[in-house]
Amino acid sequence: MEKSEILVTTTEHVPGRDYEIIGEVFGLTTQSKNVVRNIGAGFKNIVGGEIKAYTELLTEARDIAIDRLRQNAMDMGADGVVMMRFDSDSISADMETVAAYGTAVKFK
């Protein structure tokens, strides 16, 4: 099975599918902006509006976290992940940690 074939859903049930629970899985990443983007974000903070550098940072971090979640599930022999959630936190002014976590399952 390819990593991209691992079903990831935020729901507890997958319609029409029965499964057995394998265990908890997660994917973590910590991302930091480069100095140029950080300066640009500082200027945007003065005038207001969306800080696109941060949005891009969080989007990239989310995608990496999901990819690592899928890899963790695959390593456990899972077919999918149910009840997937995200958590994030700032480590410093320019570093974000994103965690994707859920329950690995094997379809019957």
N, C-alpha and C. Protein backbone atom coordinates (compact mmCIF):
# COMPACT_ATOMS: atom_id res chain seq x y z
N MET A 1 0.84 -1.18 0.00
CA MET A 1 0.00 0.00 0.00
C MET A 1 0.89 1.25 0.00
N GLU A 2 0.51 2.21 -0.81
CA GLU A 2 1.23 3.49 -0.88
C GLU A 2 0.76 4.39 0.26
N LYS A 3 1.64 5.25 0.71
CA LYS A 3 1.30 6.17 1.80
C LYS A 3 0.08 7.02 1.47
N SER A 4 -0.04 7.45 0.23
CA SER A 4 -1.17 8.30 -0.17
C SER A 4 -2.50 7.55 -0.14
N GLU A 5 -2.45 6.21 -0.08
CA GLU A 5 -3.68 5.41 -0.04
C GLU A 5 -4.22 5.23 1.38
N ILE A 6 -3.46 5.66 2.39
CA ILE A 6 -3.92 5.57 3.77
C ILE A 6 -5.05 6.58 3.96
N LEU A 7 -6.24 6.07 4.27
CA LEU A 7 -7.39 6.94 4.49
C LEU A 7 -7.20 7.70 5.80
N VAL A 8 -7.37 9.01 5.76
CA VAL A 8 -7.32 9.84 6.96
C VAL A 8 -8.63 10.60 7.05
N THR A 9 -9.34 10.40 8.16
CA THR A 9 -10.63 11.05 8.33
C THR A 9 -10.76 11.61 9.75
N THR A 10 -11.52 12.67 9.87
CA THR A 10 -11.75 13.27 11.19
C THR A 10 -12.93 12.62 11.90
N THR A 11 -13.61 11.73 11.21
CA THR A 11 -14.79 11.07 11.80
C THR A 11 -14.38 9.78 12.51
N GLU A 12 -15.28 9.31 13.37
CA GLU A 12 -15.02 8.06 14.09
C GLU A 12 -15.37 6.85 13.24
N HIS A 13 -16.38 6.99 12.39
CA HIS A 13 -16.86 5.88 11.57
C HIS A 13 -16.58 6.15 10.10
N VAL A 14 -16.26 5.09 9.39
CA VAL A 14 -16.11 5.14 7.94
C VAL A 14 -17.32 4.41 7.37
N PRO A 15 -18.21 5.12 6.69
CA PRO A 15 -19.43 4.47 6.20
C PRO A 15 -19.15 3.20 5.39
N GLY A 16 -19.85 2.14 5.78
CA GLY A 16 -19.74 0.88 5.06
C GLY A 16 -18.48 0.08 5.37
N ARG A 17 -17.69 0.52 6.32
CA ARG A 17 -16.43 -0.19 6.63
C ARG A 17 -16.38 -0.53 8.12
N ASP A 18 -16.02 -1.76 8.41
CA ASP A 18 -15.73 -2.18 9.78
C ASP A 18 -14.22 -2.23 9.93
N TYR A 19 -13.75 -1.96 11.13
CA TYR A 19 -12.30 -1.97 11.33
C TYR A 19 -11.96 -2.38 12.76
N GLU A 20 -10.72 -2.78 12.91
CA GLU A 20 -10.18 -3.04 14.24
C GLU A 20 -9.15 -1.95 14.53
N ILE A 21 -9.09 -1.56 15.78
CA ILE A 21 -8.17 -0.49 16.19
C ILE A 21 -6.78 -1.07 16.39
N ILE A 22 -5.80 -0.40 15.81
CA ILE A 22 -4.40 -0.80 15.97
C ILE A 22 -3.75 0.01 17.10
N GLY A 23 -3.95 1.32 17.07
CA GLY A 23 -3.35 2.16 18.12
C GLY A 23 -3.23 3.60 17.69
N GLU A 24 -2.66 4.38 18.57
CA GLU A 24 -2.48 5.81 18.33
C GLU A 24 -1.34 6.05 17.35
N VAL A 25 -1.56 7.01 16.45
CA VAL A 25 -0.51 7.42 15.51
C VAL A 25 -0.41 8.94 15.52
N PHE A 26 0.76 9.43 15.14
CA PHE A 26 0.94 10.86 15.09
C PHE A 26 2.00 11.24 14.08
N GLY A 27 1.99 12.50 13.70
CA GLY A 27 3.02 13.08 12.86
C GLY A 27 3.33 14.45 13.41
N LEU A 28 4.60 14.73 13.59
CA LEU A 28 5.03 16.00 14.18
C LEU A 28 5.98 16.72 13.26
N THR A 29 5.95 18.05 13.32
CA THR A 29 6.96 18.86 12.64
C THR A 29 7.06 20.20 13.34
N THR A 30 8.24 20.76 13.29
CA THR A 30 8.48 22.12 13.78
C THR A 30 9.08 22.89 12.62
N GLN A 31 8.46 24.01 12.31
CA GLN A 31 8.88 24.81 11.16
C GLN A 31 9.26 26.21 11.62
N SER A 32 10.17 26.83 10.88
CA SER A 32 10.59 28.19 11.16
C SER A 32 10.66 28.97 9.85
N LYS A 33 10.30 30.24 9.92
CA LYS A 33 10.41 31.11 8.76
C LYS A 33 11.85 31.57 8.62
N ASN A 34 12.22 31.95 7.40
CA ASN A 34 13.55 32.53 7.23
C ASN A 34 13.52 34.01 7.62
N VAL A 35 14.67 34.60 7.78
CA VAL A 35 14.80 35.97 8.26
C VAL A 35 14.07 36.98 7.36
N VAL A 36 14.15 36.82 6.05
CA VAL A 36 13.50 37.76 5.13
C VAL A 36 11.98 37.73 5.33
N ARG A 37 11.41 36.53 5.42
CA ARG A 37 9.96 36.41 5.65
C ARG A 37 9.58 36.98 7.01
N ASN A 38 10.44 36.80 8.00
CA ASN A 38 10.15 37.30 9.34
C ASN A 38 10.09 38.83 9.35
N ILE A 39 10.99 39.46 8.62
CA ILE A 39 10.98 40.93 8.52
C ILE A 39 9.71 41.39 7.81
N GLY A 40 9.35 40.71 6.71
CA GLY A 40 8.11 41.04 5.99
C GLY A 40 6.89 40.88 6.87
N ALA A 41 6.86 39.84 7.69
CA ALA A 41 5.74 39.63 8.62
C ALA A 41 5.68 40.74 9.65
N GLY A 42 6.84 41.21 10.08
CA GLY A 42 6.88 42.32 11.05
C GLY A 42 6.26 43.58 10.47
N PHE A 43 6.55 43.88 9.20
CA PHE A 43 5.93 45.05 8.56
C PHE A 43 4.42 44.88 8.44
N LYS A 44 3.98 43.70 8.07
CA LYS A 44 2.55 43.43 7.92
C LYS A 44 1.84 43.56 9.27
N ASN A 45 2.52 43.21 10.33
CA ASN A 45 1.96 43.32 11.67
C ASN A 45 1.63 44.77 12.01
N ILE A 46 2.39 45.71 11.47
CA ILE A 46 2.16 47.14 11.72
C ILE A 46 0.90 47.63 11.02
N VAL A 47 0.69 47.23 9.77
CA VAL A 47 -0.44 47.72 8.98
C VAL A 47 -1.68 46.83 9.08
N GLY A 48 -1.52 45.62 9.55
CA GLY A 48 -2.67 44.70 9.69
C GLY A 48 -2.89 43.86 8.46
N GLY A 49 -3.76 42.87 8.59
CA GLY A 49 -4.09 41.98 7.49
C GLY A 49 -3.43 40.63 7.65
N GLU A 50 -3.68 39.77 6.68
CA GLU A 50 -3.13 38.42 6.72
C GLU A 50 -1.61 38.45 6.54
N ILE A 51 -0.94 37.68 7.35
CA ILE A 51 0.51 37.54 7.22
C ILE A 51 0.75 36.25 6.44
N LYS A 52 0.89 36.41 5.12
CA LYS A 52 0.95 35.25 4.23
C LYS A 52 2.12 34.33 4.53
N ALA A 53 3.23 34.89 5.01
CA ALA A 53 4.38 34.04 5.34
C ALA A 53 4.02 33.05 6.44
N TYR A 54 3.24 33.48 7.43
CA TYR A 54 2.81 32.58 8.49
C TYR A 54 1.79 31.57 7.98
N THR A 55 0.89 32.02 7.12
CA THR A 55 -0.10 31.10 6.53
C THR A 55 0.60 30.00 5.75
N GLU A 56 1.59 30.38 4.94
CA GLU A 56 2.35 29.39 4.17
C GLU A 56 3.11 28.45 5.10
N LEU A 57 3.69 29.01 6.17
CA LEU A 57 4.42 28.20 7.14
C LEU A 57 3.51 27.14 7.76
N LEU A 58 2.32 27.55 8.18
CA LEU A 58 1.40 26.62 8.82
C LEU A 58 0.83 25.61 7.83
N THR A 59 0.59 26.02 6.59
CA THR A 59 0.10 25.10 5.57
C THR A 59 1.15 24.02 5.30
N GLU A 60 2.40 24.43 5.16
CA GLU A 60 3.49 23.47 4.93
C GLU A 60 3.63 22.53 6.14
N ALA A 61 3.57 23.09 7.34
CA ALA A 61 3.70 22.27 8.55
C ALA A 61 2.56 21.26 8.65
N ARG A 62 1.34 21.69 8.32
CA ARG A 62 0.19 20.79 8.35
C ARG A 62 0.38 19.63 7.37
N ASP A 63 0.81 19.95 6.15
CA ASP A 63 1.01 18.91 5.14
C ASP A 63 2.09 17.91 5.55
N ILE A 64 3.16 18.40 6.14
CA ILE A 64 4.24 17.51 6.60
C ILE A 64 3.74 16.63 7.74
N ALA A 65 2.98 17.22 8.67
CA ALA A 65 2.46 16.46 9.81
C ALA A 65 1.54 15.33 9.34
N ILE A 66 0.67 15.61 8.37
CA ILE A 66 -0.22 14.57 7.83
C ILE A 66 0.58 13.49 7.12
N ASP A 67 1.59 13.88 6.36
CA ASP A 67 2.43 12.91 5.68
C ASP A 67 3.11 11.98 6.68
N ARG A 68 3.61 12.54 7.77
CA ARG A 68 4.27 11.73 8.80
C ARG A 68 3.26 10.86 9.55
N LEU A 69 2.04 11.37 9.74
CA LEU A 69 0.97 10.57 10.35
C LEU A 69 0.69 9.35 9.49
N ARG A 70 0.56 9.56 8.19
CA ARG A 70 0.32 8.44 7.26
C ARG A 70 1.47 7.43 7.31
N GLN A 71 2.70 7.92 7.36
CA GLN A 71 3.85 7.02 7.42
C GLN A 71 3.83 6.21 8.70
N ASN A 72 3.51 6.84 9.82
CA ASN A 72 3.42 6.14 11.11
C ASN A 72 2.35 5.05 11.03
N ALA A 73 1.20 5.38 10.43
CA ALA A 73 0.11 4.39 10.28
C ALA A 73 0.55 3.24 9.39
N MET A 74 1.23 3.55 8.30
CA MET A 74 1.71 2.53 7.38
C MET A 74 2.69 1.60 8.07
N ASP A 75 3.59 2.17 8.86
CA ASP A 75 4.58 1.38 9.59
C ASP A 75 3.93 0.42 10.57
N MET A 76 2.74 0.75 11.04
CA MET A 76 2.00 -0.11 11.97
C MET A 76 1.11 -1.12 11.25
N GLY A 77 1.06 -1.05 9.92
CA GLY A 77 0.24 -1.97 9.14
C GLY A 77 -1.21 -1.53 9.02
N ALA A 78 -1.48 -0.26 9.23
CA ALA A 78 -2.84 0.26 9.18
C ALA A 78 -3.30 0.53 7.76
N ASP A 79 -4.62 0.56 7.58
CA ASP A 79 -5.24 0.94 6.31
C ASP A 79 -5.76 2.37 6.36
N GLY A 80 -5.92 2.88 7.58
CA GLY A 80 -6.49 4.22 7.72
C GLY A 80 -6.26 4.79 9.10
N VAL A 81 -6.66 6.06 9.23
CA VAL A 81 -6.59 6.77 10.50
C VAL A 81 -7.93 7.44 10.70
N VAL A 82 -8.57 7.15 11.82
CA VAL A 82 -9.85 7.79 12.15
C VAL A 82 -9.62 8.79 13.29
N MET A 83 -10.58 9.70 13.45
CA MET A 83 -10.54 10.70 14.52
C MET A 83 -9.26 11.55 14.47
N MET A 84 -8.80 11.89 13.25
CA MET A 84 -7.58 12.69 13.11
C MET A 84 -7.85 14.11 13.60
N ARG A 85 -6.89 14.64 14.34
CA ARG A 85 -6.96 16.01 14.85
C ARG A 85 -5.60 16.67 14.68
N PHE A 86 -5.61 18.00 14.77
CA PHE A 86 -4.38 18.79 14.75
C PHE A 86 -4.22 19.50 16.08
N ASP A 87 -2.98 19.74 16.43
CA ASP A 87 -2.65 20.60 17.55
C ASP A 87 -1.44 21.41 17.10
N SER A 88 -1.35 22.64 17.55
CA SER A 88 -0.19 23.46 17.19
C SER A 88 0.18 24.35 18.36
N ASP A 89 1.43 24.79 18.33
CA ASP A 89 1.94 25.64 19.39
C ASP A 89 3.11 26.44 18.85
N SER A 90 3.30 27.61 19.41
CA SER A 90 4.45 28.44 19.06
C SER A 90 5.57 28.12 20.04
N ILE A 91 6.74 27.82 19.50
CA ILE A 91 7.91 27.59 20.34
C ILE A 91 8.60 28.92 20.62
N SER A 92 8.62 29.76 19.61
CA SER A 92 9.17 31.11 19.74
C SER A 92 8.42 31.99 18.76
N ALA A 93 8.86 33.22 18.60
CA ALA A 93 8.16 34.17 17.73
C ALA A 93 8.11 33.70 16.28
N ASP A 94 9.07 32.88 15.86
CA ASP A 94 9.10 32.48 14.45
C ASP A 94 9.17 30.97 14.25
N MET A 95 8.76 30.20 15.26
CA MET A 95 8.76 28.74 15.14
C MET A 95 7.42 28.17 15.58
N GLU A 96 6.88 27.27 14.76
CA GLU A 96 5.60 26.63 15.05
C GLU A 96 5.75 25.12 15.02
N THR A 97 5.12 24.47 15.97
CA THR A 97 5.06 23.02 15.99
C THR A 97 3.63 22.60 15.66
N VAL A 98 3.49 21.64 14.76
CA VAL A 98 2.18 21.12 14.40
C VAL A 98 2.20 19.60 14.60
N ALA A 99 1.17 19.12 15.27
CA ALA A 99 1.01 17.68 15.48
C ALA A 99 -0.30 17.25 14.84
N ALA A 100 -0.25 16.18 14.07
CA ALA A 100 -1.45 15.51 13.56
C ALA A 100 -1.52 14.19 14.30
N TYR A 101 -2.67 13.86 14.87
CA TYR A 101 -2.78 12.61 15.61
C TYR A 101 -4.14 11.98 15.41
N GLY A 102 -4.20 10.68 15.62
CA GLY A 102 -5.46 9.96 15.44
C GLY A 102 -5.29 8.50 15.83
N THR A 103 -6.25 7.69 15.41
CA THR A 103 -6.27 6.27 15.74
C THR A 103 -6.08 5.46 14.46
N ALA A 104 -5.02 4.64 14.43
CA ALA A 104 -4.74 3.78 13.28
C ALA A 104 -5.70 2.60 13.31
N VAL A 105 -6.24 2.25 12.13
CA VAL A 105 -7.18 1.15 12.03
C VAL A 105 -6.83 0.23 10.88
N LYS A 106 -7.28 -1.03 11.00
CA LYS A 106 -7.13 -2.02 9.94
C LYS A 106 -8.53 -2.43 9.52
N PHE A 107 -8.86 -2.26 8.23
CA PHE A 107 -10.19 -2.60 7.75
C PHE A 107 -10.36 -4.11 7.70
N LYS A 108 -11.55 -4.58 8.07
CA LYS A 108 -11.86 -6.02 8.06
C LYS A 108 -12.31 -6.44 6.67
